[in-house]
Amino acid sequence: MTSISLADYHAQYAPKTKTKSGRSKYNSQRMEKDGMKFDSAKEYKRYIELTARMQRGEISELKCQVKFVLAPKVKLEGEKRAKPELRYFADFTYISEGHLVVEDVKSAVTRKLQSYRNKKHLMKTVHDIDIKEV
């Protein structure tokens, strides 16, 4: 399992979710704290909660934007370019009671997106990990 800083993640991988009006696609407000960027105020608040839990010793090894490979890159016959690996970036991972917890901060709307549901399915199938939605 590899982790990258939030700044690196946003610079390289974060989808561009701005509409022509300049607002984010799901009306979320991006937040920045201590050089770390969060896709929404809800994600930022969750980070503060998890940081407090880690300071109290309730959880350990808190990481942000952890990359999971769901399928490796592949070169398909007849295609000029290889298809990139299929990735899922968890908002947070941490250890709680000796178990790895993978969390994603989702609104009711984004929980229903087919692309997210497919990645959630693959996380369980490939890594045997259930995503905890907050």
N, C-alpha and C. Protein backbone atom coordinates (compact mmCIF):
# COMPACT_ATOMS: atom_id res chain seq x y z
N MET A 1 0.85 -1.16 0.00
CA MET A 1 0.00 0.00 0.00
C MET A 1 0.90 1.23 0.00
N THR A 2 0.63 2.15 -0.91
CA THR A 2 1.43 3.35 -1.04
C THR A 2 0.61 4.55 -0.63
N SER A 3 1.23 5.52 0.02
CA SER A 3 0.50 6.75 0.33
C SER A 3 1.28 7.92 -0.23
N ILE A 4 0.55 8.96 -0.58
CA ILE A 4 1.16 10.18 -1.07
C ILE A 4 0.54 11.33 -0.29
N SER A 5 1.22 12.46 -0.32
CA SER A 5 0.67 13.61 0.39
C SER A 5 -0.55 14.12 -0.35
N LEU A 6 -1.42 14.78 0.37
CA LEU A 6 -2.60 15.36 -0.28
C LEU A 6 -2.21 16.36 -1.36
N ALA A 7 -1.16 17.14 -1.11
CA ALA A 7 -0.73 18.13 -2.10
C ALA A 7 -0.31 17.43 -3.40
N ASP A 8 0.48 16.35 -3.28
CA ASP A 8 0.90 15.60 -4.47
C ASP A 8 -0.29 14.96 -5.18
N TYR A 9 -1.22 14.42 -4.39
CA TYR A 9 -2.41 13.80 -4.98
C TYR A 9 -3.18 14.81 -5.80
N HIS A 10 -3.46 15.95 -5.22
CA HIS A 10 -4.26 16.95 -5.93
C HIS A 10 -3.53 17.48 -7.15
N ALA A 11 -2.24 17.63 -7.07
CA ALA A 11 -1.47 18.13 -8.20
C ALA A 11 -1.48 17.14 -9.36
N GLN A 12 -1.46 15.84 -9.05
CA GLN A 12 -1.32 14.83 -10.10
C GLN A 12 -2.62 14.14 -10.49
N TYR A 13 -3.47 13.82 -9.54
CA TYR A 13 -4.57 12.91 -9.83
C TYR A 13 -5.98 13.46 -9.62
N ALA A 14 -6.11 14.52 -8.86
CA ALA A 14 -7.45 14.97 -8.52
C ALA A 14 -8.22 15.36 -9.77
N PRO A 15 -9.44 14.84 -9.91
CA PRO A 15 -10.24 15.20 -11.06
C PRO A 15 -10.61 16.67 -11.00
N LYS A 16 -10.69 17.27 -12.16
CA LYS A 16 -11.09 18.66 -12.24
C LYS A 16 -12.61 18.69 -12.15
N THR A 17 -13.14 19.17 -11.04
CA THR A 17 -14.58 19.11 -10.81
C THR A 17 -15.24 20.48 -10.89
N LYS A 18 -14.55 21.46 -11.41
CA LYS A 18 -15.15 22.78 -11.52
C LYS A 18 -16.06 22.84 -12.74
N THR A 19 -17.19 23.51 -12.59
CA THR A 19 -18.09 23.73 -13.71
C THR A 19 -17.72 25.06 -14.35
N LYS A 20 -18.40 25.41 -15.44
CA LYS A 20 -18.12 26.68 -16.11
C LYS A 20 -18.37 27.87 -15.20
N SER A 21 -19.27 27.72 -14.25
CA SER A 21 -19.57 28.82 -13.33
C SER A 21 -18.51 28.98 -12.26
N GLY A 22 -17.55 28.03 -12.18
CA GLY A 22 -16.49 28.11 -11.18
C GLY A 22 -16.79 27.35 -9.90
N ARG A 23 -18.03 26.88 -9.75
CA ARG A 23 -18.39 26.10 -8.58
C ARG A 23 -18.01 24.65 -8.80
N SER A 24 -17.84 23.92 -7.71
CA SER A 24 -17.52 22.50 -7.86
C SER A 24 -18.77 21.76 -8.32
N LYS A 25 -18.55 20.61 -8.88
CA LYS A 25 -19.62 19.83 -9.49
C LYS A 25 -20.73 19.50 -8.49
N TYR A 26 -20.38 19.20 -7.24
CA TYR A 26 -21.37 18.83 -6.24
C TYR A 26 -21.53 19.90 -5.16
N ASN A 27 -21.18 21.13 -5.50
CA ASN A 27 -21.30 22.28 -4.59
C ASN A 27 -20.47 22.12 -3.32
N SER A 28 -19.42 21.33 -3.38
CA SER A 28 -18.55 21.21 -2.22
C SER A 28 -17.56 22.37 -2.21
N GLN A 29 -17.12 22.71 -1.04
CA GLN A 29 -16.19 23.82 -0.88
C GLN A 29 -14.82 23.26 -0.53
N ARG A 30 -13.85 23.49 -1.39
CA ARG A 30 -12.50 23.00 -1.12
C ARG A 30 -11.92 23.73 0.07
N MET A 31 -11.15 22.99 0.86
CA MET A 31 -10.54 23.55 2.06
C MET A 31 -9.03 23.31 2.00
N GLU A 32 -8.28 24.20 2.65
CA GLU A 32 -6.84 24.02 2.76
C GLU A 32 -6.42 24.34 4.18
N LYS A 33 -5.60 23.47 4.76
CA LYS A 33 -5.12 23.64 6.13
C LYS A 33 -3.71 23.10 6.21
N ASP A 34 -2.79 23.93 6.67
CA ASP A 34 -1.39 23.54 6.85
C ASP A 34 -0.80 22.92 5.57
N GLY A 35 -1.16 23.48 4.43
CA GLY A 35 -0.65 23.00 3.16
C GLY A 35 -1.35 21.76 2.62
N MET A 36 -2.31 21.25 3.36
CA MET A 36 -3.08 20.08 2.91
C MET A 36 -4.39 20.56 2.31
N LYS A 37 -4.77 19.95 1.20
CA LYS A 37 -6.02 20.33 0.53
C LYS A 37 -7.05 19.23 0.69
N PHE A 38 -8.28 19.64 0.89
CA PHE A 38 -9.40 18.72 1.06
C PHE A 38 -10.47 19.07 0.05
N ASP A 39 -11.12 18.05 -0.50
CA ASP A 39 -12.12 18.26 -1.54
C ASP A 39 -13.41 18.88 -1.03
N SER A 40 -13.64 18.82 0.28
CA SER A 40 -14.87 19.38 0.82
C SER A 40 -14.67 19.75 2.29
N ALA A 41 -15.56 20.58 2.78
CA ALA A 41 -15.54 20.93 4.20
C ALA A 41 -15.81 19.69 5.05
N LYS A 42 -16.66 18.79 4.55
CA LYS A 42 -16.98 17.56 5.28
C LYS A 42 -15.73 16.69 5.42
N GLU A 43 -14.92 16.60 4.36
CA GLU A 43 -13.69 15.82 4.42
C GLU A 43 -12.70 16.46 5.40
N TYR A 44 -12.61 17.78 5.38
CA TYR A 44 -11.72 18.49 6.31
C TYR A 44 -12.14 18.24 7.76
N LYS A 45 -13.44 18.32 8.03
CA LYS A 45 -13.93 18.08 9.40
C LYS A 45 -13.62 16.65 9.85
N ARG A 46 -13.76 15.71 8.93
CA ARG A 46 -13.46 14.32 9.28
C ARG A 46 -11.98 14.16 9.59
N TYR A 47 -11.11 14.85 8.84
CA TYR A 47 -9.68 14.80 9.11
C TYR A 47 -9.38 15.32 10.51
N ILE A 48 -10.02 16.41 10.92
CA ILE A 48 -9.84 16.98 12.26
C ILE A 48 -10.28 15.95 13.32
N GLU A 49 -11.43 15.30 13.09
CA GLU A 49 -11.92 14.28 14.03
C GLU A 49 -10.94 13.12 14.16
N LEU A 50 -10.45 12.63 13.01
CA LEU A 50 -9.53 11.50 13.03
C LEU A 50 -8.20 11.87 13.67
N THR A 51 -7.73 13.09 13.44
CA THR A 51 -6.49 13.56 14.06
C THR A 51 -6.65 13.59 15.58
N ALA A 52 -7.79 14.06 16.05
CA ALA A 52 -8.05 14.09 17.49
C ALA A 52 -8.10 12.67 18.07
N ARG A 53 -8.72 11.75 17.34
CA ARG A 53 -8.78 10.35 17.79
C ARG A 53 -7.38 9.74 17.86
N MET A 54 -6.53 10.11 16.90
CA MET A 54 -5.16 9.58 16.90
C MET A 54 -4.39 10.14 18.09
N GLN A 55 -4.59 11.42 18.40
CA GLN A 55 -3.90 12.03 19.53
C GLN A 55 -4.34 11.41 20.85
N ARG A 56 -5.59 10.95 20.92
CA ARG A 56 -6.10 10.28 22.13
C ARG A 56 -5.69 8.81 22.18
N GLY A 57 -5.05 8.31 21.12
CA GLY A 57 -4.61 6.92 21.09
C GLY A 57 -5.68 5.93 20.67
N GLU A 58 -6.81 6.41 20.17
CA GLU A 58 -7.90 5.53 19.76
C GLU A 58 -7.60 4.85 18.42
N ILE A 59 -6.86 5.54 17.54
CA ILE A 59 -6.46 4.99 16.24
C ILE A 59 -4.99 5.29 16.04
N SER A 60 -4.39 4.63 15.05
CA SER A 60 -2.99 4.90 14.73
C SER A 60 -2.80 4.86 13.21
N GLU A 61 -1.64 5.30 12.78
CA GLU A 61 -1.22 5.24 11.38
C GLU A 61 -2.21 5.91 10.43
N LEU A 62 -2.71 7.08 10.80
CA LEU A 62 -3.63 7.82 9.94
C LEU A 62 -2.90 8.29 8.69
N LYS A 63 -3.47 7.97 7.54
CA LYS A 63 -2.92 8.40 6.25
C LYS A 63 -4.04 8.98 5.40
N CYS A 64 -3.67 9.92 4.55
CA CYS A 64 -4.64 10.56 3.65
C CYS A 64 -4.34 10.19 2.21
N GLN A 65 -5.40 10.06 1.43
CA GLN A 65 -5.31 9.80 -0.01
C GLN A 65 -4.40 8.62 -0.34
N VAL A 66 -4.75 7.48 0.20
CA VAL A 66 -3.98 6.25 -0.01
C VAL A 66 -4.45 5.58 -1.30
N LYS A 67 -3.48 5.25 -2.14
CA LYS A 67 -3.77 4.65 -3.44
C LYS A 67 -3.87 3.13 -3.34
N PHE A 68 -4.94 2.59 -3.92
CA PHE A 68 -5.12 1.16 -4.06
C PHE A 68 -5.24 0.86 -5.55
N VAL A 69 -4.48 -0.10 -6.03
CA VAL A 69 -4.57 -0.51 -7.43
C VAL A 69 -5.63 -1.60 -7.53
N LEU A 70 -6.64 -1.34 -8.35
CA LEU A 70 -7.75 -2.29 -8.52
C LEU A 70 -7.52 -3.20 -9.72
N ALA A 71 -6.78 -2.72 -10.71
CA ALA A 71 -6.43 -3.52 -11.89
C ALA A 71 -5.17 -2.90 -12.47
N PRO A 72 -4.20 -3.73 -12.86
CA PRO A 72 -2.96 -3.18 -13.41
C PRO A 72 -3.19 -2.60 -14.81
N LYS A 73 -2.22 -1.82 -15.28
CA LYS A 73 -2.34 -1.30 -16.64
C LYS A 73 -2.23 -2.48 -17.61
N VAL A 74 -2.84 -2.32 -18.76
CA VAL A 74 -2.88 -3.41 -19.71
C VAL A 74 -2.85 -2.85 -21.13
N LYS A 75 -2.17 -3.57 -22.01
CA LYS A 75 -2.13 -3.21 -23.43
C LYS A 75 -3.10 -4.13 -24.14
N LEU A 76 -4.15 -3.55 -24.68
CA LEU A 76 -5.17 -4.32 -25.39
C LEU A 76 -4.79 -4.45 -26.86
N GLU A 77 -5.07 -5.60 -27.42
CA GLU A 77 -4.78 -5.84 -28.82
C GLU A 77 -5.54 -4.84 -29.68
N GLY A 78 -4.84 -4.25 -30.63
CA GLY A 78 -5.46 -3.29 -31.53
C GLY A 78 -5.47 -1.86 -31.01
N GLU A 79 -5.05 -1.65 -29.79
CA GLU A 79 -5.01 -0.30 -29.21
C GLU A 79 -3.60 0.24 -29.33
N LYS A 80 -3.48 1.54 -29.59
CA LYS A 80 -2.16 2.16 -29.70
C LYS A 80 -1.48 2.31 -28.35
N ARG A 81 -2.27 2.61 -27.34
CA ARG A 81 -1.71 2.86 -26.01
C ARG A 81 -2.24 1.86 -25.00
N ALA A 82 -1.45 1.66 -23.98
CA ALA A 82 -1.89 0.79 -22.88
C ALA A 82 -2.94 1.54 -22.06
N LYS A 83 -3.88 0.80 -21.55
CA LYS A 83 -4.87 1.37 -20.64
C LYS A 83 -4.21 1.52 -19.28
N PRO A 84 -4.38 2.68 -18.62
CA PRO A 84 -3.72 2.87 -17.32
C PRO A 84 -4.33 1.97 -16.25
N GLU A 85 -3.59 1.81 -15.16
CA GLU A 85 -4.11 1.02 -14.06
C GLU A 85 -5.38 1.68 -13.52
N LEU A 86 -6.26 0.86 -13.01
CA LEU A 86 -7.49 1.35 -12.39
C LEU A 86 -7.19 1.54 -10.92
N ARG A 87 -7.36 2.77 -10.43
CA ARG A 87 -6.97 3.10 -9.05
C ARG A 87 -8.16 3.62 -8.25
N TYR A 88 -8.05 3.42 -6.97
CA TYR A 88 -8.99 4.02 -6.02
C TYR A 88 -8.16 4.72 -4.96
N PHE A 89 -8.49 5.97 -4.68
CA PHE A 89 -7.82 6.72 -3.63
C PHE A 89 -8.77 6.85 -2.45
N ALA A 90 -8.40 6.23 -1.35
CA ALA A 90 -9.20 6.33 -0.12
C ALA A 90 -8.92 7.68 0.51
N ASP A 91 -9.95 8.34 1.00
CA ASP A 91 -9.74 9.62 1.69
C ASP A 91 -8.85 9.42 2.90
N PHE A 92 -9.11 8.37 3.69
CA PHE A 92 -8.33 8.11 4.89
C PHE A 92 -8.18 6.62 5.10
N THR A 93 -7.03 6.23 5.65
CA THR A 93 -6.84 4.88 6.18
C THR A 93 -6.22 5.03 7.56
N TYR A 94 -6.53 4.08 8.43
CA TYR A 94 -5.96 4.08 9.78
C TYR A 94 -6.16 2.71 10.39
N ILE A 95 -5.48 2.48 11.49
CA ILE A 95 -5.61 1.23 12.23
C ILE A 95 -6.47 1.49 13.45
N SER A 96 -7.52 0.68 13.60
CA SER A 96 -8.40 0.77 14.76
C SER A 96 -8.61 -0.64 15.29
N GLU A 97 -8.29 -0.83 16.57
CA GLU A 97 -8.43 -2.14 17.22
C GLU A 97 -7.72 -3.23 16.43
N GLY A 98 -6.56 -2.89 15.88
CA GLY A 98 -5.74 -3.86 15.16
C GLY A 98 -6.16 -4.15 13.73
N HIS A 99 -7.17 -3.43 13.23
CA HIS A 99 -7.67 -3.67 11.88
C HIS A 99 -7.52 -2.41 11.02
N LEU A 100 -7.22 -2.63 9.73
CA LEU A 100 -7.15 -1.53 8.78
C LEU A 100 -8.55 -1.03 8.47
N VAL A 101 -8.75 0.27 8.57
CA VAL A 101 -10.01 0.90 8.21
C VAL A 101 -9.75 1.80 7.02
N VAL A 102 -10.57 1.65 5.99
CA VAL A 102 -10.49 2.49 4.80
C VAL A 102 -11.77 3.32 4.76
N GLU A 103 -11.60 4.64 4.80
CA GLU A 103 -12.74 5.55 4.85
C GLU A 103 -12.82 6.43 3.63
N ASP A 104 -14.05 6.72 3.24
CA ASP A 104 -14.30 7.67 2.17
C ASP A 104 -15.42 8.58 2.63
N VAL A 105 -15.21 9.88 2.52
CA VAL A 105 -16.22 10.86 2.88
C VAL A 105 -17.10 11.05 1.65
N LYS A 106 -18.37 10.70 1.77
CA LYS A 106 -19.28 10.76 0.64
C LYS A 106 -20.59 11.43 1.03
N SER A 107 -21.13 12.18 0.09
CA SER A 107 -22.48 12.72 0.27
C SER A 107 -23.46 11.67 -0.24
N ALA A 108 -24.73 11.88 0.00
CA ALA A 108 -25.74 10.94 -0.47
C ALA A 108 -25.70 10.82 -1.99
N VAL A 109 -25.42 11.92 -2.67
CA VAL A 109 -25.38 11.92 -4.14
C VAL A 109 -24.18 11.14 -4.65
N THR A 110 -23.00 11.40 -4.10
CA THR A 110 -21.79 10.76 -4.62
C THR A 110 -21.71 9.28 -4.24
N ARG A 111 -22.41 8.87 -3.21
CA ARG A 111 -22.45 7.44 -2.86
C ARG A 111 -23.12 6.61 -3.94
N LYS A 112 -24.01 7.25 -4.68
CA LYS A 112 -24.79 6.54 -5.70
C LYS A 112 -24.14 6.53 -7.07
N LEU A 113 -23.02 7.23 -7.24
CA LEU A 113 -22.37 7.28 -8.54
C LEU A 113 -21.89 5.89 -8.95
N GLN A 114 -22.15 5.52 -10.19
CA GLN A 114 -21.77 4.20 -10.66
C GLN A 114 -20.26 3.98 -10.60
N SER A 115 -19.48 5.00 -10.93
CA SER A 115 -18.02 4.85 -10.90
C SER A 115 -17.53 4.54 -9.49
N TYR A 116 -18.09 5.21 -8.49
CA TYR A 116 -17.71 4.93 -7.10
C TYR A 116 -18.17 3.53 -6.69
N ARG A 117 -19.40 3.17 -7.05
CA ARG A 117 -19.93 1.86 -6.68
C ARG A 117 -19.10 0.74 -7.29
N ASN A 118 -18.62 0.95 -8.53
CA ASN A 118 -17.75 -0.05 -9.17
C ASN A 118 -16.44 -0.19 -8.40
N LYS A 119 -15.85 0.93 -8.01
CA LYS A 119 -14.59 0.88 -7.28
C LYS A 119 -14.78 0.25 -5.90
N LYS A 120 -15.89 0.53 -5.26
CA LYS A 120 -16.19 -0.07 -3.97
C LYS A 120 -16.30 -1.60 -4.13
N HIS A 121 -16.97 -2.03 -5.17
CA HIS A 121 -17.10 -3.46 -5.47
C HIS A 121 -15.72 -4.09 -5.70
N LEU A 122 -14.87 -3.43 -6.48
CA LEU A 122 -13.54 -3.95 -6.76
C LEU A 122 -12.65 -3.96 -5.52
N MET A 123 -12.80 -2.98 -4.65
CA MET A 123 -12.02 -2.98 -3.40
C MET A 123 -12.33 -4.24 -2.60
N LYS A 124 -13.58 -4.62 -2.54
CA LYS A 124 -13.97 -5.82 -1.80
C LYS A 124 -13.47 -7.07 -2.52
N THR A 125 -13.63 -7.10 -3.83
CA THR A 125 -13.25 -8.27 -4.62
C THR A 125 -11.73 -8.47 -4.66
N VAL A 126 -10.99 -7.41 -4.95
CA VAL A 126 -9.56 -7.51 -5.15
C VAL A 126 -8.78 -7.53 -3.83
N HIS A 127 -9.15 -6.63 -2.90
CA HIS A 127 -8.38 -6.46 -1.67
C HIS A 127 -9.11 -7.00 -0.43
N ASP A 128 -10.35 -7.46 -0.58
CA ASP A 128 -11.19 -7.91 0.54
C ASP A 128 -11.31 -6.82 1.61
N ILE A 129 -11.52 -5.59 1.13
CA ILE A 129 -11.65 -4.44 2.03
C ILE A 129 -13.00 -3.79 1.80
N ASP A 130 -13.74 -3.60 2.89
CA ASP A 130 -14.99 -2.84 2.84
C ASP A 130 -14.64 -1.37 3.10
N ILE A 131 -15.22 -0.51 2.30
CA ILE A 131 -14.99 0.93 2.47
C ILE A 131 -16.03 1.45 3.47
N LYS A 132 -15.54 2.14 4.49
CA LYS A 132 -16.43 2.75 5.47
C LYS A 132 -16.78 4.14 4.93
N GLU A 133 -18.05 4.35 4.67
CA GLU A 133 -18.51 5.64 4.15
C GLU A 133 -18.94 6.53 5.31
N VAL A 134 -18.46 7.74 5.28
CA VAL A 134 -18.76 8.69 6.35
C VAL A 134 -19.53 9.86 5.75
